[in-house]
Amino acid sequence: MDFDPELVRRAQMLLTLDHSLSQVKEILLREGYSDGQVEELIDATEEVLNYFVPPVYNDEKIAIDIRHSNRGIDIDETPDILVDRISGKIELLTPHLQETWRVANEIRKSIKYQYR
């Protein structure tokens, strides 16, 4: 569905003003925007926001944060690698960075050596 550009701009402005998605939805409906378009826009926005939520990890995983030379100070501080304590499985959270692969390979070698 093509969204009304004014609807999108208004929703962006409301989100910028720290309104929750449910508040934005109520305001847009009150302002007379189409129910279908508002519903679809809110659903799509929620889906995108859920996509950007960092992965959840618990005490069974070891989080490894690599200091990258090209990262700025303001970069979000999420771990680069998760290692499962039980299985030894390695999950790359920043696979697009070369340093992550290098560290992961060293971890794999270390884990393999411990299980010999």
PDB file of N, CA and C in Angstrom:
ATOM      1  N   MET A   1       0.843  -1.177   0.000  1.00  0.00           N
ATOM      2  CA  MET A   1       0.000   0.000   0.000  1.00  0.00           C
ATOM      3  C   MET A   1       0.884   1.235   0.000  1.00  0.00           C
ATOM      4  N   ASP A   2       0.548   2.200  -0.816  1.00  0.00           N
ATOM      5  CA  ASP A   2       1.262   3.474  -0.819  1.00  0.00           C
ATOM      6  C   ASP A   2       0.708   4.342   0.292  1.00  0.00           C
ATOM      7  N   PHE A   3       1.609   4.905   1.080  1.00  0.00           N
ATOM      8  CA  PHE A   3       1.192   5.741   2.191  1.00  0.00           C
ATOM      9  C   PHE A   3       1.109   7.194   1.772  1.00  0.00           C
ATOM     10  N   ASP A   4       0.167   7.908   2.342  1.00  0.00           N
ATOM     11  CA  ASP A   4       0.044   9.347   2.163  1.00  0.00           C
ATOM     12  C   ASP A   4       1.310   9.986   2.743  1.00  0.00           C
ATOM     13  N   PRO A   5       2.051  10.760   1.940  1.00  0.00           N
ATOM     14  CA  PRO A   5       3.298  11.357   2.443  1.00  0.00           C
ATOM     15  C   PRO A   5       3.079  12.230   3.683  1.00  0.00           C
ATOM     16  N   GLU A   6       1.937  12.887   3.758  1.00  0.00           N
ATOM     17  CA  GLU A   6       1.646  13.714   4.932  1.00  0.00           C
ATOM     18  C   GLU A   6       1.472  12.850   6.178  1.00  0.00           C
ATOM     19  N   LEU A   7       0.856  11.684   6.007  1.00  0.00           N
ATOM     20  CA  LEU A   7       0.686  10.749   7.117  1.00  0.00           C
ATOM     21  C   LEU A   7       2.049  10.299   7.640  1.00  0.00           C
ATOM     22  N   VAL A   8       2.946   9.965   6.742  1.00  0.00           N
ATOM     23  CA  VAL A   8       4.278   9.504   7.131  1.00  0.00           C
ATOM     24  C   VAL A   8       5.038  10.617   7.843  1.00  0.00           C
ATOM     25  N   ARG A   9       4.989  11.842   7.302  1.00  0.00           N
ATOM     26  CA  ARG A   9       5.686  12.976   7.928  1.00  0.00           C
ATOM     27  C   ARG A   9       5.138  13.253   9.326  1.00  0.00           C
ATOM     28  N   ARG A  10       3.820  13.209   9.453  1.00  0.00           N
ATOM     29  CA  ARG A  10       3.192  13.468  10.753  1.00  0.00           C
ATOM     30  C   ARG A  10       3.577  12.384  11.756  1.00  0.00           C
ATOM     31  N   ALA A  11       3.573  11.128  11.331  1.00  0.00           N
ATOM     32  CA  ALA A  11       3.962  10.029  12.213  1.00  0.00           C
ATOM     33  C   ALA A  11       5.424  10.175  12.639  1.00  0.00           C
ATOM     34  N   GLN A  12       6.293  10.535  11.702  1.00  0.00           N
ATOM     35  CA  GLN A  12       7.703  10.726  12.026  1.00  0.00           C
ATOM     36  C   GLN A  12       7.881  11.837  13.051  1.00  0.00           C
ATOM     37  N   MET A  13       7.145  12.928  12.854  1.00  0.00           N
ATOM     38  CA  MET A  13       7.247  14.055  13.780  1.00  0.00           C
ATOM     39  C   MET A  13       6.790  13.636  15.182  1.00  0.00           C
ATOM     40  N   LEU A  14       5.674  12.906  15.253  1.00  0.00           N
ATOM     41  CA  LEU A  14       5.167  12.469  16.551  1.00  0.00           C
ATOM     42  C   LEU A  14       6.136  11.511  17.244  1.00  0.00           C
ATOM     43  N   LEU A  15       6.741  10.605  16.473  1.00  0.00           N
ATOM     44  CA  LEU A  15       7.721   9.690  17.053  1.00  0.00           C
ATOM     45  C   LEU A  15       8.962  10.434  17.521  1.00  0.00           C
ATOM     46  N   THR A  16       9.338  11.480  16.798  1.00  0.00           N
ATOM     47  CA  THR A  16      10.486  12.295  17.183  1.00  0.00           C
ATOM     48  C   THR A  16      10.217  13.016  18.499  1.00  0.00           C
ATOM     49  N   LEU A  17       8.955  13.325  18.751  1.00  0.00           N
ATOM     50  CA  LEU A  17       8.574  13.997  19.991  1.00  0.00           C
ATOM     51  C   LEU A  17       8.381  13.007  21.145  1.00  0.00           C
ATOM     52  N   ASP A  18       8.886  11.789  20.981  1.00  0.00           N
ATOM     53  CA  ASP A  18       8.861  10.747  22.013  1.00  0.00           C
ATOM     54  C   ASP A  18       7.467  10.255  22.380  1.00  0.00           C
ATOM     55  N   HIS A  19       6.558  10.231  21.428  1.00  0.00           N
ATOM     56  CA  HIS A  19       5.263   9.590  21.650  1.00  0.00           C
ATOM     57  C   HIS A  19       5.429   8.101  21.380  1.00  0.00           C
ATOM     58  N   SER A  20       4.710   7.268  22.119  1.00  0.00           N
ATOM     59  CA  SER A  20       4.749   5.831  21.865  1.00  0.00           C
ATOM     60  C   SER A  20       3.967   5.529  20.586  1.00  0.00           C
ATOM     61  N   LEU A  21       4.151   4.329  20.048  1.00  0.00           N
ATOM     62  CA  LEU A  21       3.428   3.953  18.827  1.00  0.00           C
ATOM     63  C   LEU A  21       1.919   3.981  19.036  1.00  0.00           C
ATOM     64  N   SER A  22       1.468   3.539  20.200  1.00  0.00           N
ATOM     65  CA  SER A  22       0.021   3.556  20.445  1.00  0.00           C
ATOM     66  C   SER A  22      -0.514   4.989  20.508  1.00  0.00           C
ATOM     67  N   GLN A  23       0.259   5.902  21.082  1.00  0.00           N
ATOM     68  CA  GLN A  23      -0.147   7.308  21.125  1.00  0.00           C
ATOM     69  C   GLN A  23      -0.174   7.902  19.717  1.00  0.00           C
ATOM     70  N   VAL A  24       0.836   7.563  18.917  1.00  0.00           N
ATOM     71  CA  VAL A  24       0.896   8.065  17.541  1.00  0.00           C
ATOM     72  C   VAL A  24      -0.324   7.573  16.767  1.00  0.00           C
ATOM     73  N   LYS A  25      -0.653   6.317  16.948  1.00  0.00           N
ATOM     74  CA  LYS A  25      -1.816   5.739  16.263  1.00  0.00           C
ATOM     75  C   LYS A  25      -3.089   6.488  16.642  1.00  0.00           C
ATOM     76  N   GLU A  26      -3.298   6.712  17.931  1.00  0.00           N
ATOM     77  CA  GLU A  26      -4.488   7.429  18.397  1.00  0.00           C
ATOM     78  C   GLU A  26      -4.553   8.846  17.835  1.00  0.00           C
ATOM     79  N   ILE A  27      -3.435   9.537  17.850  1.00  0.00           N
ATOM     80  CA  ILE A  27      -3.392  10.918  17.357  1.00  0.00           C
ATOM     81  C   ILE A  27      -3.710  10.960  15.867  1.00  0.00           C
ATOM     82  N   LEU A  28      -3.096  10.060  15.101  1.00  0.00           N
ATOM     83  CA  LEU A  28      -3.325  10.048  13.651  1.00  0.00           C
ATOM     84  C   LEU A  28      -4.780   9.738  13.315  1.00  0.00           C
ATOM     85  N   LEU A  29      -5.370   8.790  14.040  1.00  0.00           N
ATOM     86  CA  LEU A  29      -6.783   8.469  13.805  1.00  0.00           C
ATOM     87  C   LEU A  29      -7.680   9.645  14.182  1.00  0.00           C
ATOM     88  N   ARG A  30      -7.348  10.302  15.269  1.00  0.00           N
ATOM     89  CA  ARG A  30      -8.114  11.480  15.699  1.00  0.00           C
ATOM     90  C   ARG A  30      -8.021  12.618  14.686  1.00  0.00           C
ATOM     91  N   GLU A  31      -6.873  12.711  14.020  1.00  0.00           N
ATOM     92  CA  GLU A  31      -6.665  13.766  13.023  1.00  0.00           C
ATOM     93  C   GLU A  31      -7.325  13.440  11.690  1.00  0.00           C
ATOM     94  N   GLY A  32      -7.934  12.259  11.576  1.00  0.00           N
ATOM     95  CA  GLY A  32      -8.722  11.934  10.401  1.00  0.00           C
ATOM     96  C   GLY A  32      -8.026  11.165   9.291  1.00  0.00           C
ATOM     97  N   TYR A  33      -6.847  10.627   9.565  1.00  0.00           N
ATOM     98  CA  TYR A  33      -6.175   9.810   8.555  1.00  0.00           C
ATOM     99  C   TYR A  33      -6.896   8.471   8.427  1.00  0.00           C
ATOM    100  N   SER A  34      -6.777   7.841   7.293  1.00  0.00           N
ATOM    101  CA  SER A  34      -7.447   6.578   6.985  1.00  0.00           C
ATOM    102  C   SER A  34      -7.055   5.482   7.974  1.00  0.00           C
ATOM    103  N   ASP A  35      -8.070   4.769   8.487  1.00  0.00           N
ATOM    104  CA  ASP A  35      -7.827   3.695   9.448  1.00  0.00           C
ATOM    105  C   ASP A  35      -6.864   2.649   8.889  1.00  0.00           C
ATOM    106  N   GLY A  36      -7.092   2.222   7.659  1.00  0.00           N
ATOM    107  CA  GLY A  36      -6.266   1.189   7.037  1.00  0.00           C
ATOM    108  C   GLY A  36      -4.817   1.612   6.897  1.00  0.00           C
ATOM    109  N   GLN A  37      -4.620   2.855   6.449  1.00  0.00           N
ATOM    110  CA  GLN A  37      -3.249   3.337   6.271  1.00  0.00           C
ATOM    111  C   GLN A  37      -2.548   3.505   7.613  1.00  0.00           C
ATOM    112  N   VAL A  38      -3.255   4.018   8.593  1.00  0.00           N
ATOM    113  CA  VAL A  38      -2.648   4.207   9.914  1.00  0.00           C
ATOM    114  C   VAL A  38      -2.256   2.846  10.502  1.00  0.00           C
ATOM    115  N   GLU A  39      -3.161   1.869  10.427  1.00  0.00           N
ATOM    116  CA  GLU A  39      -2.882   0.527  10.940  1.00  0.00           C
ATOM    117  C   GLU A  39      -1.652  -0.073  10.267  1.00  0.00           C
ATOM    118  N   GLU A  40      -1.612   0.013   8.942  1.00  0.00           N
ATOM    119  CA  GLU A  40      -0.500  -0.583   8.195  1.00  0.00           C
ATOM    120  C   GLU A  40       0.817   0.130   8.499  1.00  0.00           C
ATOM    121  N   LEU A  41       0.782   1.457   8.605  1.00  0.00           N
ATOM    122  CA  LEU A  41       1.995   2.212   8.910  1.00  0.00           C
ATOM    123  C   LEU A  41       2.509   1.879  10.307  1.00  0.00           C
ATOM    124  N   ILE A  42       1.619   1.804  11.271  1.00  0.00           N
ATOM    125  CA  ILE A  42       2.023   1.483  12.642  1.00  0.00           C
ATOM    126  C   ILE A  42       2.578   0.064  12.711  1.00  0.00           C
ATOM    127  N   ASP A  43       1.919  -0.887  12.041  1.00  0.00           N
ATOM    128  CA  ASP A  43       2.400  -2.278  12.020  1.00  0.00           C
ATOM    129  C   ASP A  43       3.782  -2.370  11.385  1.00  0.00           C
ATOM    130  N   ALA A  44       3.972  -1.672  10.267  1.00  0.00           N
ATOM    131  CA  ALA A  44       5.269  -1.696   9.580  1.00  0.00           C
ATOM    132  C   ALA A  44       6.352  -1.054  10.452  1.00  0.00           C
ATOM    133  N   THR A  45       6.006   0.034  11.111  1.00  0.00           N
ATOM    134  CA  THR A  45       6.963   0.719  11.988  1.00  0.00           C
ATOM    135  C   THR A  45       7.350  -0.177  13.155  1.00  0.00           C
ATOM    136  N   GLU A  46       6.375  -0.838  13.738  1.00  0.00           N
ATOM    137  CA  GLU A  46       6.642  -1.734  14.864  1.00  0.00           C
ATOM    138  C   GLU A  46       7.527  -2.899  14.431  1.00  0.00           C
ATOM    139  N   GLU A  47       7.276  -3.429  13.249  1.00  0.00           N
ATOM    140  CA  GLU A  47       8.085  -4.532  12.730  1.00  0.00           C
ATOM    141  C   GLU A  47       9.538  -4.104  12.548  1.00  0.00           C
ATOM    142  N   VAL A  48       9.748  -2.913  12.012  1.00  0.00           N
ATOM    143  CA  VAL A  48      11.105  -2.409  11.801  1.00  0.00           C
ATOM    144  C   VAL A  48      11.786  -2.159  13.142  1.00  0.00           C
ATOM    145  N   LEU A  49      11.072  -1.565  14.087  1.00  0.00           N
ATOM    146  CA  LEU A  49      11.666  -1.307  15.395  1.00  0.00           C
ATOM    147  C   LEU A  49      12.028  -2.604  16.103  1.00  0.00           C
ATOM    148  N   ASN A  50      11.213  -3.626  15.972  1.00  0.00           N
ATOM    149  CA  ASN A  50      11.528  -4.927  16.572  1.00  0.00           C
ATOM    150  C   ASN A  50      12.740  -5.558  15.919  1.00  0.00           C
ATOM    151  N   TYR A  51      12.959  -5.289  14.648  1.00  0.00           N
ATOM    152  CA  TYR A  51      14.106  -5.827  13.925  1.00  0.00           C
ATOM    153  C   TYR A  51      15.408  -5.262  14.489  1.00  0.00           C
ATOM    154  N   PHE A  52      15.362  -4.000  14.935  1.00  0.00           N
ATOM    155  CA  PHE A  52      16.572  -3.343  15.419  1.00  0.00           C
ATOM    156  C   PHE A  52      16.852  -3.568  16.902  1.00  0.00           C
ATOM    157  N   VAL A  53      15.996  -4.299  17.587  1.00  0.00           N
ATOM    158  CA  VAL A  53      16.228  -4.590  18.998  1.00  0.00           C
ATOM    159  C   VAL A  53      17.415  -5.545  19.089  1.00  0.00           C
ATOM    160  N   PRO A  54      18.365  -5.250  19.958  1.00  0.00           N
ATOM    161  CA  PRO A  54      19.521  -6.141  20.058  1.00  0.00           C
ATOM    162  C   PRO A  54      19.121  -7.524  20.563  1.00  0.00           C
ATOM    163  N   PRO A  55      19.886  -8.538  20.202  1.00  0.00           N
ATOM    164  CA  PRO A  55      19.550  -9.893  20.620  1.00  0.00           C
ATOM    165  C   PRO A  55      19.611 -10.046  22.136  1.00  0.00           C
ATOM    166  N   VAL A  56      18.774 -10.903  22.646  1.00  0.00           N
ATOM    167  CA  VAL A  56      18.739 -11.167  24.078  1.00  0.00           C
ATOM    168  C   VAL A  56      19.675 -12.341  24.368  1.00  0.00           C
ATOM    169  N   TYR A  57      20.482 -12.199  25.379  1.00  0.00           N
ATOM    170  CA  TYR A  57      21.342 -13.296  25.787  1.00  0.00           C
ATOM    171  C   TYR A  57      21.304 -13.401  27.297  1.00  0.00           C
ATOM    172  N   ASN A  58      21.577 -14.584  27.780  1.00  0.00           N
ATOM    173  CA  ASN A  58      21.463 -14.848  29.207  1.00  0.00           C
ATOM    174  C   ASN A  58      22.799 -15.305  29.770  1.00  0.00           C
ATOM    175  N   ASP A  59      22.754 -15.872  30.990  1.00  0.00           N
ATOM    176  CA  ASP A  59      23.978 -16.307  31.664  1.00  0.00           C
ATOM    177  C   ASP A  59      24.631 -17.511  31.005  1.00  0.00           C
ATOM    178  N   GLU A  60      23.916 -18.183  30.106  1.00  0.00           N
ATOM    179  CA  GLU A  60      24.493 -19.334  29.421  1.00  0.00           C
ATOM    180  C   GLU A  60      25.376 -18.921  28.244  1.00  0.00           C
ATOM    181  N   LYS A  61      25.434 -17.630  27.987  1.00  0.00           N
ATOM    182  CA  LYS A  61      26.247 -17.154  26.863  1.00  0.00           C
ATOM    183  C   LYS A  61      27.289 -16.154  27.351  1.00  0.00           C
ATOM    184  N   ILE A  62      28.420 -16.185  26.698  1.00  0.00           N
ATOM    185  CA  ILE A  62      29.495 -15.240  26.980  1.00  0.00           C
ATOM    186  C   ILE A  62      29.460 -14.193  25.871  1.00  0.00           C
ATOM    187  N   ALA A  63      29.348 -12.931  26.246  1.00  0.00           N
ATOM    188  CA  ALA A  63      29.326 -11.843  25.275  1.00  0.00           C
ATOM    189  C   ALA A  63      30.733 -11.277  25.144  1.00  0.00           C
ATOM    190  N   ILE A  64      31.181 -11.129  23.910  1.00  0.00           N
ATOM    191  CA  ILE A  64      32.516 -10.591  23.637  1.00  0.00           C
ATOM    192  C   ILE A  64      32.364  -9.319  22.821  1.00  0.00           C
ATOM    193  N   ASP A  65      32.913  -8.253  23.359  1.00  0.00           N
ATOM    194  CA  ASP A  65      32.878  -6.961  22.683  1.00  0.00           C
ATOM    195  C   ASP A  65      34.291  -6.642  22.204  1.00  0.00           C
ATOM    196  N   ILE A  66      34.460  -6.475  20.919  1.00  0.00           N
ATOM    197  CA  ILE A  66      35.770  -6.219  20.324  1.00  0.00           C
ATOM    198  C   ILE A  66      35.945  -4.719  20.163  1.00  0.00           C
ATOM    199  N   ARG A  67      37.119  -4.237  20.493  1.00  0.00           N
ATOM    200  CA  ARG A  67      37.421  -2.821  20.267  1.00  0.00           C
ATOM    201  C   ARG A  67      37.841  -2.666  18.807  1.00  0.00           C
ATOM    202  N   HIS A  68      37.002  -1.976  18.053  1.00  0.00           N
ATOM    203  CA  HIS A  68      37.271  -1.777  16.631  1.00  0.00           C
ATOM    204  C   HIS A  68      37.907  -0.416  16.427  1.00  0.00           C
ATOM    205  N   SER A  69      38.938  -0.390  15.595  1.00  0.00           N
ATOM    206  CA  SER A  69      39.652   0.866  15.367  1.00  0.00           C
ATOM    207  C   SER A  69      38.811   1.873  14.590  1.00  0.00           C
ATOM    208  N   ASN A  70      37.860   1.391  13.769  1.00  0.00           N
ATOM    209  CA  ASN A  70      37.078   2.310  12.948  1.00  0.00           C
ATOM    210  C   ASN A  70      35.760   2.721  13.603  1.00  0.00           C
ATOM    211  N   ARG A  71      35.497   2.251  14.807  1.00  0.00           N
ATOM    212  CA  ARG A  71      34.260   2.629  15.495  1.00  0.00           C
ATOM    213  C   ARG A  71      34.432   3.969  16.176  1.00  0.00           C
ATOM    214  N   GLY A  72      33.392   4.773  16.103  1.00  0.00           N
ATOM    215  CA  GLY A  72      33.397   6.045  16.800  1.00  0.00           C
ATOM    216  C   GLY A  72      32.987   5.862  18.254  1.00  0.00           C
ATOM    217  N   ILE A  73      33.101   6.888  19.018  1.00  0.00           N
ATOM    218  CA  ILE A  73      32.754   6.836  20.433  1.00  0.00           C
ATOM    219  C   ILE A  73      31.250   6.671  20.616  1.00  0.00           C
ATOM    220  N   ASP A  74      30.441   7.234  19.719  1.00  0.00           N
ATOM    221  CA  ASP A  74      28.992   7.221  19.860  1.00  0.00           C
ATOM    222  C   ASP A  74      28.330   5.943  19.362  1.00  0.00           C
ATOM    223  N   ILE A  75      29.097   4.969  18.889  1.00  0.00           N
ATOM    224  CA  ILE A  75      28.522   3.735  18.369  1.00  0.00           C
ATOM    225  C   ILE A  75      27.889   2.954  19.521  1.00  0.00           C
ATOM    226  N   ASP A  76      26.756   2.326  19.230  1.00  0.00           N
ATOM    227  CA  ASP A  76      26.046   1.519  20.210  1.00  0.00           C
ATOM    228  C   ASP A  76      26.952   0.409  20.729  1.00  0.00           C
ATOM    229  N   GLU A  77      26.990   0.241  22.029  1.00  0.00           N
ATOM    230  CA  GLU A  77      27.888  -0.731  22.660  1.00  0.00           C
ATOM    231  C   GLU A  77      27.216  -2.085  22.818  1.00  0.00           C
ATOM    232  N   THR A  78      27.036  -2.793  21.730  1.00  0.00           N
ATOM    233  CA  THR A  78      26.516  -4.153  21.805  1.00  0.00           C
ATOM    234  C   THR A  78      27.668  -5.094  21.542  1.00  0.00           C
ATOM    235  N   PRO A  79      27.593  -6.315  22.078  1.00  0.00           N
ATOM    236  CA  PRO A  79      28.688  -7.262  21.851  1.00  0.00           C
ATOM    237  C   PRO A  79      28.789  -7.654  20.381  1.00  0.00           C
ATOM    238  N   ASP A  80      29.967  -8.119  20.000  1.00  0.00           N
ATOM    239  CA  ASP A  80      30.207  -8.550  18.626  1.00  0.00           C
ATOM    240  C   ASP A  80      30.014 -10.052  18.453  1.00  0.00           C
ATOM    241  N   ILE A  81      30.275 -10.794  19.515  1.00  0.00           N
ATOM    242  CA  ILE A  81      30.221 -12.256  19.447  1.00  0.00           C
ATOM    243  C   ILE A  81      29.549 -12.790  20.712  1.00  0.00           C
ATOM    244  N   LEU A  82      28.723 -13.814  20.538  1.00  0.00           N
ATOM    245  CA  LEU A  82      28.156 -14.550  21.667  1.00  0.00           C
ATOM    246  C   LEU A  82      28.644 -15.982  21.576  1.00  0.00           C
ATOM    247  N   VAL A  83      29.124 -16.523  22.694  1.00  0.00           N
ATOM    248  CA  VAL A  83      29.587 -17.903  22.749  1.00  0.00           C
ATOM    249  C   VAL A  83      28.722 -18.634  23.764  1.00  0.00           C
ATOM    250  N   ASP A  84      28.102 -19.720  23.329  1.00  0.00           N
ATOM    251  CA  ASP A  84      27.276 -20.538  24.212  1.00  0.00           C
ATOM    252  C   ASP A  84      28.202 -21.329  25.130  1.00  0.00           C
ATOM    253  N   ARG A  85      28.013 -21.188  26.432  1.00  0.00           N
ATOM    254  CA  ARG A  85      28.879 -21.857  27.412  1.00  0.00           C
ATOM    255  C   ARG A  85      28.766 -23.381  27.348  1.00  0.00           C
ATOM    256  N   ILE A  86      27.611 -23.883  26.988  1.00  0.00           N
ATOM    257  CA  ILE A  86      27.375 -25.327  27.003  1.00  0.00           C
ATOM    258  C   ILE A  86      27.840 -25.988  25.709  1.00  0.00           C
ATOM    259  N   SER A  87      27.357 -25.475  24.585  1.00  0.00           N
ATOM    260  CA  SER A  87      27.653 -26.119  23.301  1.00  0.00           C
ATOM    261  C   SER A  87      28.916 -25.587  22.634  1.00  0.00           C
ATOM    262  N   GLY A  88      29.351 -24.401  23.005  1.00  0.00           N
ATOM    263  CA  GLY A  88      30.506 -23.792  22.353  1.00  0.00           C
ATOM    264  C   GLY A  88      30.167 -23.122  21.040  1.00  0.00           C
ATOM    265  N   LYS A  89      28.884 -23.079  20.706  1.00  0.00           N
ATOM    266  CA  LYS A  89      28.459 -22.459  19.448  1.00  0.00           C
ATOM    267  C   LYS A  89      28.740 -20.959  19.487  1.00  0.00           C
ATOM    268  N   ILE A  90      29.245 -20.456  18.374  1.00  0.00           N
ATOM    269  CA  ILE A  90      29.601 -19.045  18.268  1.00  0.00           C
ATOM    270  C   ILE A  90      28.608 -18.343  17.353  1.00  0.00           C
ATOM    271  N   GLU A  91      28.098 -17.211  17.829  1.00  0.00           N
ATOM    272  CA  GLU A  91      27.158 -16.416  17.043  1.00  0.00           C
ATOM    273  C   GLU A  91      27.790 -15.049  16.795  1.00  0.00           C
ATOM    274  N   LEU A  92      27.943 -14.689  15.519  1.00  0.00           N
ATOM    275  CA  LEU A  92      28.521 -13.398  15.156  1.00  0.00           C
ATOM    276  C   LEU A  92      27.415 -12.359  15.055  1.00  0.00           C
ATOM    277  N   LEU A  93      27.507 -11.301  15.853  1.00  0.00           N
ATOM    278  CA  LEU A  93      26.507 -10.242  15.818  1.00  0.00           C
ATOM    279  C   LEU A  93      26.912  -9.112  14.886  1.00  0.00           C
ATOM    280  N   THR A  94      28.201  -9.042  14.563  1.00  0.00           N
ATOM    281  CA  THR A  94      28.686  -8.044  13.608  1.00  0.00           C
ATOM    282  C   THR A  94      29.519  -8.751  12.534  1.00  0.00           C
ATOM    283  N   PRO A  95      28.879  -9.597  11.722  1.00  0.00           N
ATOM    284  CA  PRO A  95      29.636 -10.372  10.738  1.00  0.00           C
ATOM    285  C   PRO A  95      30.209  -9.528   9.603  1.00  0.00           C
ATOM    286  N   HIS A  96      29.748  -8.293   9.483  1.00  0.00           N
ATOM    287  CA  HIS A  96      30.246  -7.421   8.415  1.00  0.00           C
ATOM    288  C   HIS A  96      31.617  -6.828   8.750  1.00  0.00           C
ATOM    289  N   LEU A  97      32.102  -7.032   9.974  1.00  0.00           N
ATOM    290  CA  LEU A  97      33.404  -6.498  10.369  1.00  0.00           C
ATOM    291  C   LEU A  97      34.459  -7.601  10.357  1.00  0.00           C
ATOM    292  N   GLN A  98      35.583  -7.319   9.735  1.00  0.00           N
ATOM    293  CA  GLN A  98      36.643  -8.313   9.574  1.00  0.00           C
ATOM    294  C   GLN A  98      37.226  -8.757  10.917  1.00  0.00           C
ATOM    295  N   GLU A  99      37.334  -7.819  11.873  1.00  0.00           N
ATOM    296  CA  GLU A  99      37.890  -8.166  13.182  1.00  0.00           C
ATOM    297  C   GLU A  99      37.050  -9.230  13.886  1.00  0.00           C
ATOM    298  N   THR A 100      35.737  -9.177  13.676  1.00  0.00           N
ATOM    299  CA  THR A 100      34.850 -10.150  14.302  1.00  0.00           C
ATOM    300  C   THR A 100      35.191 -11.557  13.829  1.00  0.00           C
ATOM    301  N   TRP A 101      35.420 -11.699  12.540  1.00  0.00           N
ATOM    302  CA  TRP A 101      35.771 -13.017  11.983  1.00  0.00           C
ATOM    303  C   TRP A 101      37.100 -13.508  12.534  1.00  0.00           C
ATOM    304  N   ARG A 102      38.070 -12.608  12.644  1.00  0.00           N
ATOM    305  CA  ARG A 102      39.387 -12.998  13.162  1.00  0.00           C
ATOM    306  C   ARG A 102      39.285 -13.494  14.597  1.00  0.00           C
ATOM    307  N   VAL A 103      38.576 -12.738  15.428  1.00  0.00           N
ATOM    308  CA  VAL A 103      38.424 -13.133  16.833  1.00  0.00           C
ATOM    309  C   VAL A 103      37.636 -14.432  16.929  1.00  0.00           C
ATOM    310  N   ALA A 104      36.583 -14.572  16.139  1.00  0.00           N
ATOM    311  CA  ALA A 104      35.773 -15.796  16.162  1.00  0.00           C
ATOM    312  C   ALA A 104      36.614 -17.012  15.786  1.00  0.00           C
ATOM    313  N   ASN A 105      37.482 -16.863  14.804  1.00  0.00           N
ATOM    314  CA  ASN A 105      38.352 -17.983  14.414  1.00  0.00           C
ATOM    315  C   ASN A 105      39.306 -18.363  15.540  1.00  0.00           C
ATOM    316  N   GLU A 106      39.835 -17.378  16.251  1.00  0.00           N
ATOM    317  CA  GLU A 106      40.714 -17.663  17.386  1.00  0.00           C
ATOM    318  C   GLU A 106      39.943 -18.349  18.509  1.00  0.00           C
ATOM    319  N   ILE A 107      38.714 -17.936  18.736  1.00  0.00           N
ATOM    320  CA  ILE A 107      37.876 -18.573  19.762  1.00  0.00           C
ATOM    321  C   ILE A 107      37.607 -20.019  19.373  1.00  0.00           C
ATOM    322  N   ARG A 108      37.302 -20.256  18.096  1.00  0.00           N
ATOM    323  CA  ARG A 108      37.053 -21.627  17.624  1.00  0.00           C
ATOM    324  C   ARG A 108      38.277 -22.510  17.874  1.00  0.00           C
ATOM    325  N   LYS A 109      39.463 -21.984  17.563  1.00  0.00           N
ATOM    326  CA  LYS A 109      40.695 -22.751  17.785  1.00  0.00           C
ATOM    327  C   LYS A 109      40.857 -23.064  19.270  1.00  0.00           C
ATOM    328  N   SER A 110      40.590 -22.092  20.106  1.00  0.00           N
ATOM    329  CA  SER A 110      40.733 -22.271  21.547  1.00  0.00           C
ATOM    330  C   SER A 110      39.742 -23.294  22.072  1.00  0.00           C
ATOM    331  N   ILE A 111      38.508 -23.240  21.621  1.00  0.00           N
ATOM    332  CA  ILE A 111      37.486 -24.199  22.051  1.00  0.00           C
ATOM    333  C   ILE A 111      37.855 -25.596  21.584  1.00  0.00           C
ATOM    334  N   LYS A 112      38.306 -25.717  20.343  1.00  0.00           N
ATOM    335  CA  LYS A 112      38.686 -27.027  19.792  1.00  0.00           C
ATOM    336  C   LYS A 112      39.833 -27.614  20.604  1.00  0.00           C
ATOM    337  N   TYR A 113      40.805 -26.767  21.000  1.00  0.00           N
ATOM    338  CA  TYR A 113      41.954 -27.217  21.770  1.00  0.00           C
ATOM    339  C   TYR A 113      41.524 -27.712  23.150  1.00  0.00           C
ATOM    340  N   GLN A 114      40.549 -27.051  23.778  1.00  0.00           N
ATOM    341  CA  GLN A 114      40.092 -27.431  25.120  1.00  0.00           C
ATOM    342  C   GLN A 114      39.368 -28.777  25.116  1.00  0.00           C
ATOM    343  N   TYR A 115      38.713 -29.120  24.024  1.00  0.00           N
ATOM    344  CA  TYR A 115      37.937 -30.352  23.971  1.00  0.00           C
ATOM    345  C   TYR A 115      38.752 -31.551  23.495  1.00  0.00           C
ATOM    346  N   ARG A 116      40.050 -31.401  23.268  1.00  0.00           N
ATOM    347  CA  ARG A 116      40.905 -32.519  22.839  1.00  0.00           C
ATOM    348  C   ARG A 116      41.294 -33.374  23.985  1.00  0.00           C
TER     349      ARG A 116
END
